Amino acid sequence: MKKPGFLIIIAGPSGVGKGTVRKEIMKNKKLNLVFSVSLTTRAIRKGEKNGVDYYFVSEKKFKEAIKNGDLLEYNNYVGHYYGTSKSQVEKVRKAGKNIVLEIDVNGTKNVMKAFSKKDIVSFFIVAPSVKELEKRIRGRSTESQADIKNRLKKAKDEMKLKDKFDHVIVNDSPTRASKEITKIIKNAIALRG
């Protein structure tokens, strides 16, 4: 029987480049990675694809998933729900593949409660500075001024929890950050045997 795969958690404040870094590490086929596509009630952004970046669902459908116990973790983040499918995670892990969860800090706490520490490799991604983080969020041009303000406030609160993660990675360059993460994942796989 195959060993279950790792849960690779990539978390950090909005705007730090989690998605960009995740896409880079997913290119390495030797890591045996599958991306866990989360559900969200937020609007689709330019360049995103339903079923690839997120499953974009109505709030009603999301609340049904909560009620039915279908989510491993979920959270309301600045007015929008985000969550991870429990069945998708289990299916991928049982197949011996490593599943990448790109989730928020609160979601990470829930996943860490549900799984053994030996099954998880967690990364907290940070921007080189708060000024750079604000620049990235504003540069997306997808949020209102109120949303930007909320995301920056939330980011400052989330930064206080970075020590709960196995690794803190500065995303000064997505290529460099992804290489650092890739090396750590390779080591974890090698140690597990």
C-alpha atoms as a PDB file:
ATOM      1  CA  MET A   1       0.000   0.000   0.000  1.00  0.00           C
ATOM      2  CA  LYS A   2       1.234   3.492  -0.885  1.00  0.00           C
ATOM      3  CA  LYS A   3       2.177   5.934   1.831  1.00  0.00           C
ATOM      4  CA  PRO A   4      -0.262   8.848   1.924  1.00  0.00           C
ATOM      5  CA  GLY A   5       1.098  12.017   0.366  1.00  0.00           C
ATOM      6  CA  PHE A   6       2.084  15.152   2.243  1.00  0.00           C
ATOM      7  CA  LEU A   7      -0.123  18.150   2.754  1.00  0.00           C
ATOM      8  CA  ILE A   8       1.946  21.081   1.498  1.00  0.00           C
ATOM      9  CA  ILE A   9       0.480  24.265   2.968  1.00  0.00           C
ATOM     10  CA  ILE A  10       1.246  27.609   1.370  1.00  0.00           C
ATOM     11  CA  ALA A  11      -0.200  30.468   3.400  1.00  0.00           C
ATOM     12  CA  GLY A  12       0.411  34.134   4.019  1.00  0.00           C
ATOM     13  CA  PRO A  13      -1.288  37.491   3.705  1.00  0.00           C
ATOM     14  CA  SER A  14      -3.210  38.523   0.615  1.00  0.00           C
ATOM     15  CA  GLY A  15      -0.886  39.951  -2.023  1.00  0.00           C
ATOM     16  CA  VAL A  16       2.357  38.196  -1.037  1.00  0.00           C
ATOM     17  CA  GLY A  17       2.377  36.106  -4.211  1.00  0.00           C
ATOM     18  CA  LYS A  18       1.239  32.731  -2.890  1.00  0.00           C
ATOM     19  CA  GLY A  19      -0.365  31.819  -6.220  1.00  0.00           C
ATOM     20  CA  THR A  20       2.656  32.831  -8.271  1.00  0.00           C
ATOM     21  CA  VAL A  21       5.045  30.838  -6.072  1.00  0.00           C
ATOM     22  CA  ARG A  22       2.671  27.857  -6.011  1.00  0.00           C
ATOM     23  CA  LYS A  23       2.457  27.804  -9.815  1.00  0.00           C
ATOM     24  CA  GLU A  24       6.275  27.745 -10.000  1.00  0.00           C
ATOM     25  CA  ILE A  25       6.677  24.775  -7.636  1.00  0.00           C
ATOM     26  CA  MET A  26       3.876  22.897  -9.435  1.00  0.00           C
ATOM     27  CA  LYS A  27       6.079  22.823 -12.564  1.00  0.00           C
ATOM     28  CA  ASN A  28       8.471  20.365 -10.855  1.00  0.00           C
ATOM     29  CA  LYS A  29       6.985  16.956 -11.735  1.00  0.00           C
ATOM     30  CA  LYS A  30       9.446  15.127  -9.436  1.00  0.00           C
ATOM     31  CA  LEU A  31       7.599  16.548  -6.410  1.00  0.00           C
ATOM     32  CA  ASN A  32       4.446  14.565  -7.318  1.00  0.00           C
ATOM     33  CA  LEU A  33       2.200  17.556  -6.551  1.00  0.00           C
ATOM     34  CA  VAL A  34      -1.514  18.110  -7.057  1.00  0.00           C
ATOM     35  CA  PHE A  35      -3.094  21.498  -6.399  1.00  0.00           C
ATOM     36  CA  SER A  36      -6.141  21.537  -4.139  1.00  0.00           C
ATOM     37  CA  VAL A  37      -8.588  23.826  -5.924  1.00  0.00           C
ATOM     38  CA  SER A  38     -10.489  25.724  -3.231  1.00  0.00           C
ATOM     39  CA  LEU A  39     -14.070  26.915  -3.337  1.00  0.00           C
ATOM     40  CA  THR A  40     -14.727  30.646  -3.045  1.00  0.00           C
ATOM     41  CA  THR A  41     -17.658  33.038  -3.164  1.00  0.00           C
ATOM     42  CA  ARG A  42     -15.542  35.962  -4.380  1.00  0.00           C
ATOM     43  CA  ALA A  43     -15.788  37.198  -7.958  1.00  0.00           C
ATOM     44  CA  ILE A  44     -13.470  35.740 -10.569  1.00  0.00           C
ATOM     45  CA  ARG A  45     -10.462  37.970 -11.406  1.00  0.00           C
ATOM     46  CA  LYS A  46      -9.089  38.618 -14.854  1.00  0.00           C
ATOM     47  CA  GLY A  47      -6.975  35.674 -15.991  1.00  0.00           C
ATOM     48  CA  GLU A  48      -8.485  33.182 -13.520  1.00  0.00           C
ATOM     49  CA  LYS A  49     -10.314  30.037 -14.605  1.00  0.00           C
ATOM     50  CA  ASN A  50     -13.144  28.300 -12.793  1.00  0.00           C
ATOM     51  CA  GLY A  51     -12.022  24.825 -11.695  1.00  0.00           C
ATOM     52  CA  VAL A  52      -8.348  25.718 -12.152  1.00  0.00           C
ATOM     53  CA  ASP A  53      -7.688  28.640  -9.795  1.00  0.00           C
ATOM     54  CA  TYR A  54     -10.837  28.242  -7.677  1.00  0.00           C
ATOM     55  CA  TYR A  55     -14.313  26.815  -7.902  1.00  0.00           C
ATOM     56  CA  PHE A  56     -16.345  30.026  -7.962  1.00  0.00           C
ATOM     57  CA  VAL A  57     -19.645  29.260  -6.214  1.00  0.00           C
ATOM     58  CA  SER A  58     -22.621  31.094  -4.770  1.00  0.00           C
ATOM     59  CA  GLU A  59     -22.806  31.765  -1.049  1.00  0.00           C
ATOM     60  CA  LYS A  60     -25.815  29.403  -0.893  1.00  0.00           C
ATOM     61  CA  LYS A  61     -23.815  26.528  -2.422  1.00  0.00           C
ATOM     62  CA  PHE A  62     -20.861  27.245  -0.124  1.00  0.00           C
ATOM     63  CA  LYS A  63     -23.065  27.193   2.984  1.00  0.00           C
ATOM     64  CA  GLU A  64     -24.537  23.862   1.832  1.00  0.00           C
ATOM     65  CA  ALA A  65     -20.987  22.435   1.694  1.00  0.00           C
ATOM     66  CA  ILE A  66     -20.393  23.658   5.279  1.00  0.00           C
ATOM     67  CA  LYS A  67     -23.683  22.156   6.459  1.00  0.00           C
ATOM     68  CA  ASN A  68     -22.898  18.803   4.797  1.00  0.00           C
ATOM     69  CA  GLY A  69     -19.412  18.635   6.380  1.00  0.00           C
ATOM     70  CA  ASP A  70     -17.757  18.625   2.942  1.00  0.00           C
ATOM     71  CA  LEU A  71     -15.011  21.102   3.848  1.00  0.00           C
ATOM     72  CA  LEU A  72     -11.736  20.349   5.601  1.00  0.00           C
ATOM     73  CA  GLU A  73     -11.409  24.020   6.434  1.00  0.00           C
ATOM     74  CA  TYR A  74     -13.209  27.207   5.530  1.00  0.00           C
ATOM     75  CA  ASN A  75     -13.133  30.852   6.416  1.00  0.00           C
ATOM     76  CA  ASN A  76     -14.765  34.157   5.657  1.00  0.00           C
ATOM     77  CA  TYR A  77     -11.977  36.449   4.520  1.00  0.00           C
ATOM     78  CA  VAL A  78     -12.862  40.130   4.067  1.00  0.00           C
ATOM     79  CA  GLY A  79     -16.443  39.304   3.123  1.00  0.00           C
ATOM     80  CA  HIS A  80     -15.906  36.225   0.940  1.00  0.00           C
ATOM     81  CA  TYR A  81     -15.897  32.532   1.828  1.00  0.00           C
ATOM     82  CA  TYR A  82     -12.970  30.254   0.969  1.00  0.00           C
ATOM     83  CA  GLY A  83     -12.735  26.526   1.692  1.00  0.00           C
ATOM     84  CA  THR A  84     -10.975  23.218   0.968  1.00  0.00           C
ATOM     85  CA  SER A  85     -12.775  20.059  -0.144  1.00  0.00           C
ATOM     86  CA  LYS A  86     -12.211  17.259   2.364  1.00  0.00           C
ATOM     87  CA  SER A  87     -12.851  14.485  -0.181  1.00  0.00           C
ATOM     88  CA  GLN A  88     -10.419  15.946  -2.746  1.00  0.00           C
ATOM     89  CA  VAL A  89      -7.594  16.086  -0.173  1.00  0.00           C
ATOM     90  CA  GLU A  90      -8.188  12.513   0.988  1.00  0.00           C
ATOM     91  CA  LYS A  91      -8.428  11.131  -2.563  1.00  0.00           C
ATOM     92  CA  VAL A  92      -5.115  12.718  -3.609  1.00  0.00           C
ATOM     93  CA  ARG A  93      -3.273  11.662  -0.458  1.00  0.00           C
ATOM     94  CA  LYS A  94      -4.535   8.068  -0.683  1.00  0.00           C
ATOM     95  CA  ALA A  95      -3.139   7.941  -4.231  1.00  0.00           C
ATOM     96  CA  GLY A  96       0.297   8.730  -2.734  1.00  0.00           C
ATOM     97  CA  LYS A  97       0.486  12.214  -4.207  1.00  0.00           C
ATOM     98  CA  ASN A  98       1.413  15.394  -2.333  1.00  0.00           C
ATOM     99  CA  ILE A  99      -1.394  17.939  -2.246  1.00  0.00           C
ATOM    100  CA  VAL A 100      -0.736  21.672  -2.203  1.00  0.00           C
ATOM    101  CA  LEU A 101      -3.161  23.788  -0.201  1.00  0.00           C
ATOM    102  CA  GLU A 102      -2.979  27.511  -0.834  1.00  0.00           C
ATOM    103  CA  ILE A 103      -4.989  28.712   2.152  1.00  0.00           C
ATOM    104  CA  ASP A 104      -5.196  31.460   4.734  1.00  0.00           C
ATOM    105  CA  VAL A 105      -3.745  31.389   8.233  1.00  0.00           C
ATOM    106  CA  ASN A 106      -7.025  30.405   9.921  1.00  0.00           C
ATOM    107  CA  GLY A 107      -7.509  27.573   7.454  1.00  0.00           C
ATOM    108  CA  THR A 108      -4.024  26.354   8.251  1.00  0.00           C
ATOM    109  CA  LYS A 109      -4.870  26.107  11.956  1.00  0.00           C
ATOM    110  CA  ASN A 110      -7.847  23.880  11.135  1.00  0.00           C
ATOM    111  CA  VAL A 111      -5.818  21.615   8.837  1.00  0.00           C
ATOM    112  CA  MET A 112      -3.057  21.301  11.449  1.00  0.00           C
ATOM    113  CA  LYS A 113      -5.669  20.136  13.982  1.00  0.00           C
ATOM    114  CA  ALA A 114      -7.072  17.550  11.549  1.00  0.00           C
ATOM    115  CA  PHE A 115      -3.761  15.943  10.489  1.00  0.00           C
ATOM    116  CA  SER A 116      -0.601  14.673  12.121  1.00  0.00           C
ATOM    117  CA  LYS A 117       2.379  17.057  12.077  1.00  0.00           C
ATOM    118  CA  LYS A 118       4.404  14.393  10.217  1.00  0.00           C
ATOM    119  CA  ASP A 119       1.969  14.625   7.266  1.00  0.00           C
ATOM    120  CA  ILE A 120       2.306  18.403   6.832  1.00  0.00           C
ATOM    121  CA  VAL A 121       4.991  20.723   5.461  1.00  0.00           C
ATOM    122  CA  SER A 122       3.874  24.322   5.981  1.00  0.00           C
ATOM    123  CA  PHE A 123       5.159  27.544   4.443  1.00  0.00           C
ATOM    124  CA  PHE A 124       4.304  31.116   5.386  1.00  0.00           C
ATOM    125  CA  ILE A 125       5.019  33.469   2.487  1.00  0.00           C
ATOM    126  CA  VAL A 126       5.853  37.110   3.216  1.00  0.00           C
ATOM    127  CA  ALA A 127       6.525  40.131   1.034  1.00  0.00           C
ATOM    128  CA  PRO A 128       9.911  41.835   1.432  1.00  0.00           C
ATOM    129  CA  SER A 129       8.161  44.769   3.200  1.00  0.00           C
ATOM    130  CA  VAL A 130       4.717  46.118   4.118  1.00  0.00           C
ATOM    131  CA  LYS A 131       5.200  48.849   1.500  1.00  0.00           C
ATOM    132  CA  GLU A 132       5.827  46.195  -1.178  1.00  0.00           C
ATOM    133  CA  LEU A 133       2.768  44.241  -0.016  1.00  0.00           C
ATOM    134  CA  GLU A 134       0.544  47.298  -0.364  1.00  0.00           C
ATOM    135  CA  LYS A 135       2.008  47.967  -3.823  1.00  0.00           C
ATOM    136  CA  ARG A 136       1.174  44.398  -4.912  1.00  0.00           C
ATOM    137  CA  ILE A 137      -2.399  44.548  -3.608  1.00  0.00           C
ATOM    138  CA  ARG A 138      -3.034  47.928  -5.236  1.00  0.00           C
ATOM    139  CA  GLY A 139      -1.355  46.738  -8.443  1.00  0.00           C
ATOM    140  CA  ARG A 140      -3.976  44.017  -8.934  1.00  0.00           C
ATOM    141  CA  SER A 141      -6.610  46.746  -9.411  1.00  0.00           C
ATOM    142  CA  THR A 142      -9.321  44.258  -8.431  1.00  0.00           C
ATOM    143  CA  GLU A 143     -10.373  45.515  -4.993  1.00  0.00           C
ATOM    144  CA  SER A 144     -12.127  48.602  -3.710  1.00  0.00           C
ATOM    145  CA  GLN A 145     -10.315  51.017  -1.376  1.00  0.00           C
ATOM    146  CA  ALA A 146     -12.240  49.476   1.552  1.00  0.00           C
ATOM    147  CA  ASP A 147     -11.145  45.947   0.536  1.00  0.00           C
ATOM    148  CA  ILE A 148      -7.515  47.071   0.192  1.00  0.00           C
ATOM    149  CA  LYS A 149      -7.623  48.639   3.647  1.00  0.00           C
ATOM    150  CA  ASN A 150      -9.170  45.447   5.104  1.00  0.00           C
ATOM    151  CA  ARG A 151      -6.601  43.222   3.402  1.00  0.00           C
ATOM    152  CA  LEU A 152      -3.696  45.306   4.727  1.00  0.00           C
ATOM    153  CA  LYS A 153      -5.109  45.279   8.273  1.00  0.00           C
ATOM    154  CA  LYS A 154      -5.670  41.518   8.042  1.00  0.00           C
ATOM    155  CA  ALA A 155      -2.111  41.043   6.719  1.00  0.00           C
ATOM    156  CA  LYS A 156      -0.634  42.770   9.775  1.00  0.00           C
ATOM    157  CA  ASP A 157      -2.646  40.458  12.055  1.00  0.00           C
ATOM    158  CA  GLU A 158      -1.631  37.355  10.095  1.00  0.00           C
ATOM    159  CA  MET A 159       2.069  38.249  10.235  1.00  0.00           C
ATOM    160  CA  LYS A 160       1.930  37.712  14.000  1.00  0.00           C
ATOM    161  CA  LEU A 161       1.221  34.003  13.377  1.00  0.00           C
ATOM    162  CA  LYS A 162       4.118  33.217  11.037  1.00  0.00           C
ATOM    163  CA  ASP A 163       5.996  31.321  13.779  1.00  0.00           C
ATOM    164  CA  LYS A 164       3.273  28.632  13.729  1.00  0.00           C
ATOM    165  CA  PHE A 165       4.610  27.460  10.343  1.00  0.00           C
ATOM    166  CA  ASP A 166       7.518  25.134   9.574  1.00  0.00           C
ATOM    167  CA  HIS A 167       9.132  27.640   7.201  1.00  0.00           C
ATOM    168  CA  VAL A 168       8.882  31.395   6.552  1.00  0.00           C
ATOM    169  CA  ILE A 169       9.759  32.298   2.960  1.00  0.00           C
ATOM    170  CA  VAL A 170      10.384  35.860   1.744  1.00  0.00           C
ATOM    171  CA  ASN A 171       8.943  36.277  -1.749  1.00  0.00           C
ATOM    172  CA  ASP A 172      11.406  38.835  -3.055  1.00  0.00           C
ATOM    173  CA  SER A 173      11.480  36.849  -6.322  1.00  0.00           C
ATOM    174  CA  PRO A 174       8.954  34.108  -7.181  1.00  0.00           C
ATOM    175  CA  THR A 175      11.707  32.084  -8.888  1.00  0.00           C
ATOM    176  CA  ARG A 176      14.035  32.249  -5.887  1.00  0.00           C
ATOM    177  CA  ALA A 177      11.233  31.616  -3.364  1.00  0.00           C
ATOM    178  CA  SER A 178       9.930  28.624  -5.334  1.00  0.00           C
ATOM    179  CA  LYS A 179      13.445  27.128  -5.549  1.00  0.00           C
ATOM    180  CA  GLU A 180      13.777  27.416  -1.759  1.00  0.00           C
ATOM    181  CA  ILE A 181      10.385  25.737  -1.226  1.00  0.00           C
ATOM    182  CA  THR A 182      11.172  23.020  -3.780  1.00  0.00           C
ATOM    183  CA  LYS A 183      14.419  22.150  -1.971  1.00  0.00           C
ATOM    184  CA  ILE A 184      12.574  21.876   1.368  1.00  0.00           C
ATOM    185  CA  ILE A 185       9.842  19.645  -0.111  1.00  0.00           C
ATOM    186  CA  LYS A 186      12.470  17.390  -1.742  1.00  0.00           C
ATOM    187  CA  ASN A 187      14.222  17.012   1.612  1.00  0.00           C
ATOM    188  CA  ALA A 188      10.937  16.152   3.375  1.00  0.00           C
ATOM    189  CA  ILE A 189      10.149  13.493   0.751  1.00  0.00           C
ATOM    190  CA  ALA A 190      13.674  12.032   1.000  1.00  0.00           C
ATOM    191  CA  LEU A 191      13.535  11.891   4.814  1.00  0.00           C
ATOM    192  CA  ARG A 192      10.197  10.092   4.726  1.00  0.00           C
ATOM    193  CA  GLY A 193      11.636   7.456   2.387  1.00  0.00           C
END
